Each structure stands twice: as structure tokens, then as C-alpha cells.
Amino acid sequence: MGTLSFDFKADMDDIFLDSGFEEDITYTPDGESALSIKAIVDRDRLDETVEGASRLNIYKYQIIISKTDVPNAVSEGDEVVITVGDSTETLRVAGILEDDLGAYRLGLR
């Protein structure tokens, strides 16, 4: 029987952020240069028709990004630019919701 192994960073980049649901964002760590990266953007936080949204709306959006795309640790206050309709919206990281081996999940306001 073979050994099953995982490389969480590579799996995040090669599978999850290459699934067709990702989108381009601009991530600017505080005091550093802007990075063009891929992210999963969750826009359902303020939609009351989405089950559970009312308890999750502390953040305007949530994103999931790969740790390989952001070489240094993320922090609250970092700037994120996402596309909303035909324009862009500039937000700040307001919470680091998850920090695992391959990705960050961030709350934006």
C-alpha cells in the first residue's frame, strides 16, 4: 500500500486556487509593494437571503489566499482591492479568520 502525502501549499495553489472560482485581486501588505494574486472571494456575507449570513456580516467580504502568494505574514490593516461589478473596491484586512499550512482566510471591511 502506498503512502498518501499532502503538500498543503502546493495543493492550495494547484487545486483550490486553480478551480475556476478564483479571481484576481491586488493585495498590499502594510508598507510593502502591491501583489497581484488569486483569491476566492466570498461576497455572501451581507446577503440576508443566504442562510447564516446575518451572524457572519461582521466583515463585508471574506477572502481565501495562498500563503505562497504573500511571502510575509498578513496583518490587519493590509489593503485589498477586489472587483465589484464594473469597478473596484478597496478594503482593509479587519480579521485573520484562519491561518493554516497553505492558506489564510481574511475578513475585509
Protein backbone atom coordinates (compact mmCIF):
# COMPACT_ATOMS: atom_id res chain seq x y z
CA MET A 1 0.00 0.00 0.00
CA GLY A 2 1.39 3.43 -0.99
CA THR A 3 1.88 6.37 1.27
CA LEU A 4 -0.51 9.29 0.98
CA SER A 5 1.16 12.66 1.40
CA PHE A 6 -0.02 16.23 1.22
CA ASP A 7 1.76 19.45 0.42
CA PHE A 8 -0.77 21.98 1.65
CA LYS A 9 0.85 24.99 -0.04
CA ALA A 10 1.14 23.24 -3.41
CA ASP A 11 -2.38 21.78 -3.12
CA MET A 12 -3.76 25.24 -2.36
CA ASP A 13 -2.07 26.71 -5.42
CA ASP A 14 -2.55 23.83 -7.86
CA ILE A 15 -6.06 22.70 -6.94
CA PHE A 16 -8.09 25.13 -4.88
CA LEU A 17 -6.91 28.38 -6.49
CA ASP A 18 -6.95 26.86 -9.96
CA SER A 19 -10.54 25.61 -9.88
CA GLY A 20 -12.19 28.32 -11.97
CA PHE A 21 -13.75 30.05 -8.95
CA GLU A 22 -10.72 32.15 -8.13
CA GLU A 23 -10.35 35.77 -9.18
CA ASP A 24 -7.55 38.28 -9.45
CA ILE A 25 -7.11 40.71 -6.57
CA THR A 26 -4.45 43.17 -5.51
CA TYR A 27 -3.01 42.58 -2.05
CA THR A 28 -0.78 45.22 -0.47
CA PRO A 29 0.89 44.28 2.81
CA ASP A 30 1.34 47.32 5.05
CA GLY A 31 4.49 49.19 3.98
CA GLU A 32 5.23 46.88 1.05
CA SER A 33 4.58 46.74 -2.70
CA ALA A 34 1.27 45.63 -4.17
CA LEU A 35 0.94 41.97 -5.23
CA SER A 36 -1.37 40.66 -7.96
CA ILE A 37 -2.65 37.33 -6.64
CA LYS A 38 -5.56 34.87 -6.92
CA ALA A 39 -8.24 34.61 -4.24
CA ILE A 40 -11.57 33.02 -3.52
CA VAL A 41 -13.86 35.96 -2.67
CA ASP A 42 -16.95 35.34 -0.55
CA ARG A 43 -19.45 38.11 -1.20
CA ASP A 44 -22.43 36.47 0.56
CA ARG A 45 -21.68 37.95 3.98
CA LEU A 46 -24.25 40.76 3.72
CA ASP A 47 -26.92 38.90 1.76
CA GLU A 48 -29.68 38.11 4.25
CA THR A 49 -31.11 35.52 1.83
CA VAL A 50 -28.02 33.35 2.42
CA GLU A 51 -28.54 31.03 5.36
CA GLY A 52 -26.48 32.16 8.32
CA ALA A 53 -25.44 35.46 6.72
CA SER A 54 -26.85 37.62 9.50
CA ARG A 55 -24.42 36.15 12.02
CA LEU A 56 -21.48 36.43 9.64
CA ASN A 57 -21.84 40.02 8.47
CA ILE A 58 -19.18 41.48 10.73
CA TYR A 59 -17.00 41.55 7.58
CA LYS A 60 -18.08 42.99 4.26
CA TYR A 61 -16.27 40.20 2.39
CA GLN A 62 -14.05 37.26 3.18
CA ILE A 63 -11.20 36.01 1.01
CA ILE A 64 -9.02 32.93 0.95
CA ILE A 65 -5.48 33.40 -0.34
CA SER A 66 -2.48 31.12 -0.67
CA LYS A 67 0.46 31.56 1.68
CA THR A 68 2.84 31.20 -1.28
CA ASP A 69 1.36 34.36 -2.83
CA VAL A 70 2.05 36.50 0.23
CA PRO A 71 5.65 35.84 1.27
CA ASN A 72 5.40 37.61 4.64
CA ALA A 73 2.69 37.14 7.24
CA VAL A 74 -0.54 39.01 6.61
CA SER A 75 -1.73 41.52 9.16
CA GLU A 76 -4.78 43.58 9.96
CA GLY A 77 -4.71 46.81 8.01
CA ASP A 78 -3.24 45.31 4.83
CA GLU A 79 -5.02 46.67 1.74
CA VAL A 80 -7.05 44.50 -0.65
CA VAL A 81 -8.56 45.63 -3.96
CA ILE A 82 -11.30 43.44 -5.44
CA THR A 83 -13.59 43.79 -8.43
CA VAL A 84 -17.21 44.58 -7.68
CA GLY A 85 -19.33 44.70 -10.81
CA ASP A 86 -17.63 47.01 -13.29
CA SER A 87 -15.49 48.80 -10.72
CA THR A 88 -13.05 48.04 -7.93
CA GLU A 89 -13.37 48.38 -4.19
CA THR A 90 -10.51 49.00 -1.80
CA LEU A 91 -10.82 47.33 1.60
CA ARG A 92 -8.65 46.56 4.61
CA VAL A 93 -7.96 43.26 6.35
CA ALA A 94 -10.06 43.53 9.51
CA GLY A 95 -9.55 39.99 10.81
CA ILE A 96 -7.40 36.92 10.24
CA LEU A 97 -10.02 34.19 10.49
CA GLU A 98 -7.88 31.17 9.61
CA ASP A 99 -4.15 30.66 9.28
CA ASP A 100 -3.29 27.10 8.28
CA LEU A 101 -0.40 25.43 6.47
CA GLY A 102 -1.49 26.51 2.99
CA ALA A 103 -3.81 29.49 3.21
CA TYR A 104 -5.19 32.49 5.01
CA ARG A 105 -8.87 33.28 5.37
CA LEU A 106 -9.31 37.00 5.90
CA GLY A 107 -12.25 39.20 6.84
CA LEU A 108 -12.39 42.51 4.96
CA ARG A 109 -14.02 45.86 5.72
